[in-house]
Amino acid sequence: SGERRLLDVKVALSGGNTANILTSKNAFKRVYLDD
């Protein structure tokens, strides 16, 4: 739609789940859009 939005994912990263792998900035910055 052309809208730019900001998503804070810090809470999701602190949950003690698989997302813990993303707590390093280098890993977090490997974000991409899948198919």
PDB file of all heavy atoms in Angstrom:
ATOM      1  N   SER A   1       0.832  -1.216   0.000  1.00  0.00           N
ATOM      2  CA  SER A   1       0.000   0.000   0.000  1.00  0.00           C
ATOM      3  C   SER A   1       0.863   1.261   0.000  1.00  0.00           C
ATOM      4  O   SER A   1       0.342   2.365  -0.092  1.00  0.00           O
ATOM      5  CB  SER A   1      -0.891   0.004   1.240  1.00  0.00           C
ATOM      6  OG  SER A   1      -0.083   0.018   2.422  1.00  0.00           O
ATOM      7  N   GLY A   2       2.188   1.087   0.130  1.00  0.00           N
ATOM      8  CA  GLY A   2       3.103   2.215   0.216  1.00  0.00           C
ATOM      9  C   GLY A   2       3.355   2.657   1.649  1.00  0.00           C
ATOM     10  O   GLY A   2       4.168   3.537   1.909  1.00  0.00           O
ATOM     11  N   GLU A   3       2.669   2.025   2.583  1.00  0.00           N
ATOM     12  CA  GLU A   3       2.809   2.390   3.991  1.00  0.00           C
ATOM     13  C   GLU A   3       4.076   1.779   4.581  1.00  0.00           C
ATOM     14  O   GLU A   3       4.372   0.609   4.382  1.00  0.00           O
ATOM     15  CB  GLU A   3       1.582   1.905   4.768  1.00  0.00           C
ATOM     16  CG  GLU A   3       1.528   2.412   6.173  1.00  0.00           C
ATOM     17  CD  GLU A   3       0.227   2.053   6.877  1.00  0.00           C
ATOM     18  OE1 GLU A   3      -0.646   1.412   6.267  1.00  0.00           O
ATOM     19  OE2 GLU A   3       0.093   2.421   8.042  1.00  0.00           O
ATOM     20  N   ARG A   4       4.822   2.601   5.305  1.00  0.00           N
ATOM     21  CA  ARG A   4       6.041   2.164   5.997  1.00  0.00           C
ATOM     22  C   ARG A   4       5.706   2.054   7.478  1.00  0.00           C
ATOM     23  O   ARG A   4       5.155   2.985   8.073  1.00  0.00           O
ATOM     24  CB  ARG A   4       7.156   3.180   5.765  1.00  0.00           C
ATOM     25  CG  ARG A   4       8.506   2.746   6.262  1.00  0.00           C
ATOM     26  CD  ARG A   4       9.603   3.713   5.845  1.00  0.00           C
ATOM     27  NE  ARG A   4       9.624   4.007   4.432  1.00  0.00           N
ATOM     28  CZ  ARG A   4      10.162   3.241   3.471  1.00  0.00           C
ATOM     29  NH1 ARG A   4      10.731   2.112   3.796  1.00  0.00           N
ATOM     30  NH2 ARG A   4      10.123   3.603   2.206  1.00  0.00           N
ATOM     31  N   ARG A   5       6.045   0.888   8.075  1.00  0.00           N
ATOM     32  CA  ARG A   5       5.703   0.652   9.476  1.00  0.00           C
ATOM     33  C   ARG A   5       6.913   0.094  10.213  1.00  0.00           C
ATOM     34  O   ARG A   5       7.815  -0.479   9.603  1.00  0.00           O
ATOM     35  CB  ARG A   5       4.516  -0.309   9.578  1.00  0.00           C
ATOM     36  CG  ARG A   5       3.244   0.294   8.962  1.00  0.00           C
ATOM     37  CD  ARG A   5       2.062  -0.633   9.024  1.00  0.00           C
ATOM     38  NE  ARG A   5       1.572  -0.878  10.355  1.00  0.00           N
ATOM     39  CZ  ARG A   5       0.633  -0.147  10.964  1.00  0.00           C
ATOM     40  NH1 ARG A   5       0.103   0.901  10.361  1.00  0.00           N
ATOM     41  NH2 ARG A   5       0.219  -0.463  12.174  1.00  0.00           N
ATOM     42  N   LEU A   6       6.921   0.257  11.539  1.00  0.00           N
ATOM     43  CA  LEU A   6       8.002  -0.200  12.394  1.00  0.00           C
ATOM     44  C   LEU A   6       7.487  -1.302  13.306  1.00  0.00           C
ATOM     45  O   LEU A   6       6.478  -1.121  14.005  1.00  0.00           O
ATOM     46  CB  LEU A   6       8.533   0.974  13.228  1.00  0.00           C
ATOM     47  CG  LEU A   6       9.787   0.707  14.030  1.00  0.00           C
ATOM     48  CD1 LEU A   6      10.994   0.547  13.109  1.00  0.00           C
ATOM     49  CD2 LEU A   6      10.036   1.858  15.001  1.00  0.00           C
ATOM     50  N   LEU A   7       8.164  -2.438  13.291  1.00  0.00           N
ATOM     51  CA  LEU A   7       7.791  -3.587  14.121  1.00  0.00           C
ATOM     52  C   LEU A   7       8.895  -3.837  15.133  1.00  0.00           C
ATOM     53  O   LEU A   7      10.048  -4.078  14.762  1.00  0.00           O
ATOM     54  CB  LEU A   7       7.584  -4.830  13.259  1.00  0.00           C
ATOM     55  CG  LEU A   7       7.225  -6.118  13.998  1.00  0.00           C
ATOM     56  CD1 LEU A   7       5.859  -5.988  14.668  1.00  0.00           C
ATOM     57  CD2 LEU A   7       7.241  -7.298  13.055  1.00  0.00           C
ATOM     58  N   ASP A   8       8.556  -3.775  16.412  1.00  0.00           N
ATOM     59  CA  ASP A   8       9.501  -4.046  17.490  1.00  0.00           C
ATOM     60  C   ASP A   8       9.442  -5.536  17.797  1.00  0.00           C
ATOM     61  O   ASP A   8       8.404  -6.034  18.224  1.00  0.00           O
ATOM     62  CB  ASP A   8       9.133  -3.216  18.720  1.00  0.00           C
ATOM     63  CG  ASP A   8      10.148  -3.321  19.838  1.00  0.00           C
ATOM     64  OD1 ASP A   8      11.024  -4.220  19.792  1.00  0.00           O
ATOM     65  OD2 ASP A   8      10.068  -2.504  20.770  1.00  0.00           O
ATOM     66  N   VAL A   9      10.530  -6.247  17.583  1.00  0.00           N
ATOM     67  CA  VAL A   9      10.521  -7.693  17.820  1.00  0.00           C
ATOM     68  C   VAL A   9      11.309  -8.089  19.067  1.00  0.00           C
ATOM     69  O   VAL A   9      11.514  -9.271  19.313  1.00  0.00           O
ATOM     70  CB  VAL A   9      11.020  -8.480  16.582  1.00  0.00           C
ATOM     71  CG1 VAL A   9      10.067  -8.344  15.433  1.00  0.00           C
ATOM     72  CG2 VAL A   9      12.398  -8.052  16.178  1.00  0.00           C
ATOM     73  N   LYS A  10      11.701  -7.116  19.882  1.00  0.00           N
ATOM     74  CA  LYS A  10      12.470  -7.427  21.093  1.00  0.00           C
ATOM     75  C   LYS A  10      11.706  -8.363  22.026  1.00  0.00           C
ATOM     76  O   LYS A  10      12.287  -9.273  22.597  1.00  0.00           O
ATOM     77  CB  LYS A  10      12.873  -6.148  21.826  1.00  0.00           C
ATOM     78  CG  LYS A  10      13.959  -5.352  21.120  1.00  0.00           C
ATOM     79  CD  LYS A  10      14.421  -4.165  21.932  1.00  0.00           C
ATOM     80  CE  LYS A  10      13.488  -3.011  21.942  1.00  0.00           C
ATOM     81  NZ  LYS A  10      13.225  -2.318  20.701  1.00  0.00           N
ATOM     82  N   VAL A  11      10.415  -8.157  22.203  1.00  0.00           N
ATOM     83  CA  VAL A  11       9.621  -8.996  23.104  1.00  0.00           C
ATOM     84  C   VAL A  11       9.611 -10.435  22.599  1.00  0.00           C
ATOM     85  O   VAL A  11       9.812 -11.384  23.368  1.00  0.00           O
ATOM     86  CB  VAL A  11       8.183  -8.450  23.244  1.00  0.00           C
ATOM     87  CG1 VAL A  11       7.311  -9.416  24.022  1.00  0.00           C
ATOM     88  CG2 VAL A  11       8.204  -7.091  23.903  1.00  0.00           C
ATOM     89  N   ALA A  12       9.426 -10.619  21.310  1.00  0.00           N
ATOM     90  CA  ALA A  12       9.402 -11.973  20.745  1.00  0.00           C
ATOM     91  C   ALA A  12      10.759 -12.657  20.911  1.00  0.00           C
ATOM     92  O   ALA A  12      10.828 -13.875  21.095  1.00  0.00           O
ATOM     93  CB  ALA A  12       9.023 -11.921  19.267  1.00  0.00           C
ATOM     94  N   LEU A  13      11.832 -11.894  20.866  1.00  0.00           N
ATOM     95  CA  LEU A  13      13.166 -12.467  20.984  1.00  0.00           C
ATOM     96  C   LEU A  13      13.520 -12.860  22.409  1.00  0.00           C
ATOM     97  O   LEU A  13      14.446 -13.626  22.632  1.00  0.00           O
ATOM     98  CB  LEU A  13      14.218 -11.484  20.455  1.00  0.00           C
ATOM     99  CG  LEU A  13      14.125 -11.153  18.974  1.00  0.00           C
ATOM    100  CD1 LEU A  13      15.189 -10.131  18.603  1.00  0.00           C
ATOM    101  CD2 LEU A  13      14.262 -12.390  18.128  1.00  0.00           C
ATOM    102  N   SER A  14      12.793 -12.358  23.381  1.00  0.00           N
ATOM    103  CA  SER A  14      13.114 -12.647  24.779  1.00  0.00           C
ATOM    104  C   SER A  14      12.331 -13.833  25.322  1.00  0.00           C
ATOM    105  O   SER A  14      12.414 -14.133  26.505  1.00  0.00           O
ATOM    106  CB  SER A  14      12.828 -11.411  25.636  1.00  0.00           C
ATOM    107  OG  SER A  14      11.443 -11.136  25.644  1.00  0.00           O
ATOM    108  N   GLY A  15      11.594 -14.531  24.486  1.00  0.00           N
ATOM    109  CA  GLY A  15      10.697 -15.587  24.931  1.00  0.00           C
ATOM    110  C   GLY A  15      11.327 -16.928  25.239  1.00  0.00           C
ATOM    111  O   GLY A  15      10.653 -17.824  25.696  1.00  0.00           O
ATOM    112  N   GLY A  16      12.617 -17.107  24.996  1.00  0.00           N
ATOM    113  CA  GLY A  16      13.247 -18.383  25.297  1.00  0.00           C
ATOM    114  C   GLY A  16      12.883 -19.477  24.306  1.00  0.00           C
ATOM    115  O   GLY A  16      12.827 -20.633  24.634  1.00  0.00           O
ATOM    116  N   ASN A  17      12.626 -19.107  23.053  1.00  0.00           N
ATOM    117  CA  ASN A  17      12.252 -20.091  22.050  1.00  0.00           C
ATOM    118  C   ASN A  17      13.277 -20.091  20.912  1.00  0.00           C
ATOM    119  O   ASN A  17      14.387 -19.600  21.078  1.00  0.00           O
ATOM    120  CB  ASN A  17      10.844 -19.800  21.517  1.00  0.00           C
ATOM    121  CG  ASN A  17      10.725 -18.369  21.018  1.00  0.00           C
ATOM    122  OD1 ASN A  17      11.714 -17.752  20.630  1.00  0.00           O
ATOM    123  ND2 ASN A  17       9.526 -17.829  21.027  1.00  0.00           N
ATOM    124  N   THR A  18      12.917 -20.627  19.796  1.00  0.00           N
ATOM    125  CA  THR A  18      13.814 -20.705  18.645  1.00  0.00           C
ATOM    126  C   THR A  18      14.333 -19.336  18.234  1.00  0.00           C
ATOM    127  O   THR A  18      15.444 -19.208  17.739  1.00  0.00           O
ATOM    128  CB  THR A  18      13.082 -21.345  17.444  1.00  0.00           C
ATOM    129  OG1 THR A  18      12.522 -22.579  17.873  1.00  0.00           O
ATOM    130  CG2 THR A  18      14.018 -21.587  16.303  1.00  0.00           C
ATOM    131  N   ALA A  19      13.552 -18.293  18.460  1.00  0.00           N
ATOM    132  CA  ALA A  19      13.960 -16.948  18.062  1.00  0.00           C
ATOM    133  C   ALA A  19      15.181 -16.457  18.829  1.00  0.00           C
ATOM    134  O   ALA A  19      15.785 -15.464  18.435  1.00  0.00           O
ATOM    135  CB  ALA A  19      12.804 -15.982  18.242  1.00  0.00           C
ATOM    136  N   ASN A  20      15.578 -17.139  19.897  1.00  0.00           N
ATOM    137  CA  ASN A  20      16.772 -16.727  20.633  1.00  0.00           C
ATOM    138  C   ASN A  20      18.003 -16.678  19.748  1.00  0.00           C
ATOM    139  O   ASN A  20      18.958 -15.963  20.053  1.00  0.00           O
ATOM    140  CB  ASN A  20      17.025 -17.651  21.823  1.00  0.00           C
ATOM    141  CG  ASN A  20      16.148 -17.302  22.994  1.00  0.00           C
ATOM    142  OD1 ASN A  20      15.576 -16.220  23.065  1.00  0.00           O
ATOM    143  ND2 ASN A  20      16.030 -18.228  23.923  1.00  0.00           N
ATOM    144  N   ILE A  21      18.007 -17.430  18.671  1.00  0.00           N
ATOM    145  CA  ILE A  21      19.132 -17.416  17.733  1.00  0.00           C
ATOM    146  C   ILE A  21      19.316 -16.024  17.138  1.00  0.00           C
ATOM    147  O   ILE A  21      20.399 -15.650  16.719  1.00  0.00           O
ATOM    148  CB  ILE A  21      18.937 -18.490  16.628  1.00  0.00           C
ATOM    149  CG1 ILE A  21      20.237 -18.726  15.865  1.00  0.00           C
ATOM    150  CG2 ILE A  21      17.849 -18.104  15.662  1.00  0.00           C
ATOM    151  CD1 ILE A  21      21.229 -19.554  16.586  1.00  0.00           C
ATOM    152  N   LEU A  22      18.270 -15.217  17.141  1.00  0.00           N
ATOM    153  CA  LEU A  22      18.317 -13.886  16.525  1.00  0.00           C
ATOM    154  C   LEU A  22      18.743 -12.791  17.487  1.00  0.00           C
ATOM    155  O   LEU A  22      18.677 -11.618  17.146  1.00  0.00           O
ATOM    156  CB  LEU A  22      16.951 -13.543  15.931  1.00  0.00           C
ATOM    157  CG  LEU A  22      16.423 -14.502  14.889  1.00  0.00           C
ATOM    158  CD1 LEU A  22      15.044 -14.081  14.436  1.00  0.00           C
ATOM    159  CD2 LEU A  22      17.375 -14.596  13.720  1.00  0.00           C
ATOM    160  N   THR A  23      19.192 -13.132  18.689  1.00  0.00           N
ATOM    161  CA  THR A  23      19.558 -12.104  19.647  1.00  0.00           C
ATOM    162  C   THR A  23      20.889 -11.432  19.324  1.00  0.00           C
ATOM    163  O   THR A  23      21.202 -10.403  19.903  1.00  0.00           O
ATOM    164  CB  THR A  23      19.577 -12.651  21.089  1.00  0.00           C
ATOM    165  OG1 THR A  23      20.462 -13.762  21.140  1.00  0.00           O
ATOM    166  CG2 THR A  23      18.168 -13.049  21.519  1.00  0.00           C
ATOM    167  N   SER A  24      21.660 -11.963  18.401  1.00  0.00           N
ATOM    168  CA  SER A  24      22.855 -11.248  17.957  1.00  0.00           C
ATOM    169  C   SER A  24      22.458 -10.348  16.791  1.00  0.00           C
ATOM    170  O   SER A  24      21.615 -10.717  15.957  1.00  0.00           O
ATOM    171  CB  SER A  24      23.960 -12.218  17.534  1.00  0.00           C
ATOM    172  OG  SER A  24      23.810 -12.611  16.193  1.00  0.00           O
ATOM    173  N   LYS A  25      23.042  -9.154  16.746  1.00  0.00           N
ATOM    174  CA  LYS A  25      22.693  -8.209  15.681  1.00  0.00           C
ATOM    175  C   LYS A  25      23.010  -8.774  14.305  1.00  0.00           C
ATOM    176  O   LYS A  25      22.251  -8.556  13.357  1.00  0.00           O
ATOM    177  CB  LYS A  25      23.412  -6.884  15.886  1.00  0.00           C
ATOM    178  CG  LYS A  25      22.786  -6.045  16.950  1.00  0.00           C
ATOM    179  CD  LYS A  25      23.432  -4.680  17.030  1.00  0.00           C
ATOM    180  CE  LYS A  25      22.844  -3.919  18.198  1.00  0.00           C
ATOM    181  NZ  LYS A  25      23.469  -2.631  18.391  1.00  0.00           N
ATOM    182  N   ASN A  26      24.107  -9.508  14.192  1.00  0.00           N
ATOM    183  CA  ASN A  26      24.471 -10.066  12.882  1.00  0.00           C
ATOM    184  C   ASN A  26      23.420 -11.044  12.389  1.00  0.00           C
ATOM    185  O   ASN A  26      23.042 -11.028  11.222  1.00  0.00           O
ATOM    186  CB  ASN A  26      25.846 -10.736  12.932  1.00  0.00           C
ATOM    187  CG  ASN A  26      26.973  -9.731  13.048  1.00  0.00           C
ATOM    188  OD1 ASN A  26      26.815  -8.562  12.704  1.00  0.00           O
ATOM    189  ND2 ASN A  26      28.110 -10.177  13.538  1.00  0.00           N
ATOM    190  N   ALA A  27      22.942 -11.906  13.279  1.00  0.00           N
ATOM    191  CA  ALA A  27      21.904 -12.866  12.890  1.00  0.00           C
ATOM    192  C   ALA A  27      20.601 -12.139  12.578  1.00  0.00           C
ATOM    193  O   ALA A  27      19.921 -12.450  11.598  1.00  0.00           O
ATOM    194  CB  ALA A  27      21.693 -13.896  13.992  1.00  0.00           C
ATOM    195  N   PHE A  28      20.248 -11.170  13.388  1.00  0.00           N
ATOM    196  CA  PHE A  28      19.007 -10.417  13.188  1.00  0.00           C
ATOM    197  C   PHE A  28      19.014  -9.698  11.840  1.00  0.00           C
ATOM    198  O   PHE A  28      18.001  -9.642  11.144  1.00  0.00           O
ATOM    199  CB  PHE A  28      18.811  -9.414  14.331  1.00  0.00           C
ATOM    200  CG  PHE A  28      17.520  -8.671  14.264  1.00  0.00           C
ATOM    201  CD1 PHE A  28      16.321  -9.300  14.545  1.00  0.00           C
ATOM    202  CD2 PHE A  28      17.497  -7.330  13.906  1.00  0.00           C
ATOM    203  CE1 PHE A  28      15.114  -8.611  14.483  1.00  0.00           C
ATOM    204  CE2 PHE A  28      16.300  -6.628  13.840  1.00  0.00           C
ATOM    205  CZ  PHE A  28      15.114  -7.271  14.123  1.00  0.00           C
ATOM    206  N   LYS A  29      20.151  -9.180  11.446  1.00  0.00           N
ATOM    207  CA  LYS A  29      20.248  -8.413  10.193  1.00  0.00           C
ATOM    208  C   LYS A  29      20.206  -9.301   8.947  1.00  0.00           C
ATOM    209  O   LYS A  29      20.151  -8.784   7.835  1.00  0.00           O
ATOM    210  CB  LYS A  29      21.496  -7.545  10.217  1.00  0.00           C
ATOM    211  CG  LYS A  29      21.322  -6.403  11.209  1.00  0.00           C
ATOM    212  CD  LYS A  29      22.305  -5.302  10.962  1.00  0.00           C
ATOM    213  CE  LYS A  29      22.004  -4.147  11.861  1.00  0.00           C
ATOM    214  NZ  LYS A  29      21.500  -3.004  11.164  1.00  0.00           N
ATOM    215  N   ARG A  30      20.182 -10.615   9.116  1.00  0.00           N
ATOM    216  CA  ARG A  30      20.058 -11.526   7.959  1.00  0.00           C
ATOM    217  C   ARG A  30      18.607 -11.695   7.520  1.00  0.00           C
ATOM    218  O   ARG A  30      18.264 -12.622   6.795  1.00  0.00           O
ATOM    219  CB  ARG A  30      20.648 -12.898   8.300  1.00  0.00           C
ATOM    220  CG  ARG A  30      22.132 -12.930   8.460  1.00  0.00           C
ATOM    221  CD  ARG A  30      22.692 -14.350   8.454  1.00  0.00           C
ATOM    222  NE  ARG A  30      21.878 -15.307   9.164  1.00  0.00           N
ATOM    223  CZ  ARG A  30      22.154 -15.815  10.373  1.00  0.00           C
ATOM    224  NH1 ARG A  30      23.230 -15.457  11.011  1.00  0.00           N
ATOM    225  NH2 ARG A  30      21.345 -16.693  10.922  1.00  0.00           N
ATOM    226  N   VAL A  31      17.738 -10.819   7.923  1.00  0.00           N
ATOM    227  CA  VAL A  31      16.314 -10.887   7.596  1.00  0.00           C
ATOM    228  C   VAL A  31      16.114 -10.801   6.083  1.00  0.00           C
ATOM    229  O   VAL A  31      16.884 -10.148   5.378  1.00  0.00           O
ATOM    230  CB  VAL A  31      15.522  -9.769   8.323  1.00  0.00           C
ATOM    231  CG1 VAL A  31      15.897  -8.391   7.814  1.00  0.00           C
ATOM    232  CG2 VAL A  31      14.030  -9.998   8.244  1.00  0.00           C
ATOM    233  N   TYR A  32      15.097 -11.495   5.590  1.00  0.00           N
ATOM    234  CA  TYR A  32      14.747 -11.452   4.165  1.00  0.00           C
ATOM    235  C   TYR A  32      13.269 -11.768   3.998  1.00  0.00           C
ATOM    236  O   TYR A  32      12.609 -12.220   4.926  1.00  0.00           O
ATOM    237  CB  TYR A  32      15.608 -12.427   3.354  1.00  0.00           C
ATOM    238  CG  TYR A  32      15.376 -13.890   3.662  1.00  0.00           C
ATOM    239  CD1 TYR A  32      14.487 -14.646   2.896  1.00  0.00           C
ATOM    240  CD2 TYR A  32      16.034 -14.527   4.719  1.00  0.00           C
ATOM    241  CE1 TYR A  32      14.268 -15.991   3.175  1.00  0.00           C
ATOM    242  CE2 TYR A  32      15.825 -15.861   4.997  1.00  0.00           C
ATOM    243  CZ  TYR A  32      14.935 -16.585   4.227  1.00  0.00           C
ATOM    244  OH  TYR A  32      14.716 -17.916   4.503  1.00  0.00           O
ATOM    245  N   LEU A  33      12.754 -11.505   2.802  1.00  0.00           N
ATOM    246  CA  LEU A  33      11.388 -11.915   2.456  1.00  0.00           C
ATOM    247  C   LEU A  33      11.464 -13.240   1.734  1.00  0.00           C
ATOM    248  O   LEU A  33      12.206 -13.384   0.758  1.00  0.00           O
ATOM    249  CB  LEU A  33      10.720 -10.886   1.548  1.00  0.00           C
ATOM    250  CG  LEU A  33      10.342  -9.566   2.192  1.00  0.00           C
ATOM    251  CD1 LEU A  33       9.675  -8.654   1.162  1.00  0.00           C
ATOM    252  CD2 LEU A  33       9.425  -9.766   3.382  1.00  0.00           C
ATOM    253  N   ASP A  34      10.679 -14.218   2.188  1.00  0.00           N
ATOM    254  CA  ASP A  34      10.677 -15.508   1.505  1.00  0.00           C
ATOM    255  C   ASP A  34       9.727 -15.476   0.306  1.00  0.00           C
ATOM    256  O   ASP A  34       9.162 -14.428  -0.028  1.00  0.00           O
ATOM    257  CB  ASP A  34      10.348 -16.642   2.480  1.00  0.00           C
ATOM    258  CG  ASP A  34       8.928 -16.633   2.999  1.00  0.00           C
ATOM    259  OD1 ASP A  34       8.070 -15.887   2.474  1.00  0.00           O
ATOM    260  OD2 ASP A  34       8.645 -17.410   3.941  1.00  0.00           O
ATOM    261  N   ASP A  35       9.557 -16.605  -0.334  1.00  0.00           N
ATOM    262  CA  ASP A  35       8.722 -16.684  -1.542  1.00  0.00           C
ATOM    263  C   ASP A  35       7.255 -16.344  -1.291  1.00  0.00           C
ATOM    264  O   ASP A  35       6.531 -15.995  -2.211  1.00  0.00           O
ATOM    265  CB  ASP A  35       8.813 -18.084  -2.160  1.00  0.00           C
ATOM    266  CG  ASP A  35      10.197 -18.388  -2.686  1.00  0.00           C
ATOM    267  OD1 ASP A  35      10.968 -17.433  -2.943  1.00  0.00           O
ATOM    268  OD2 ASP A  35      10.519 -19.581  -2.842  1.00  0.00           O
TER     269      ASP A  35
END
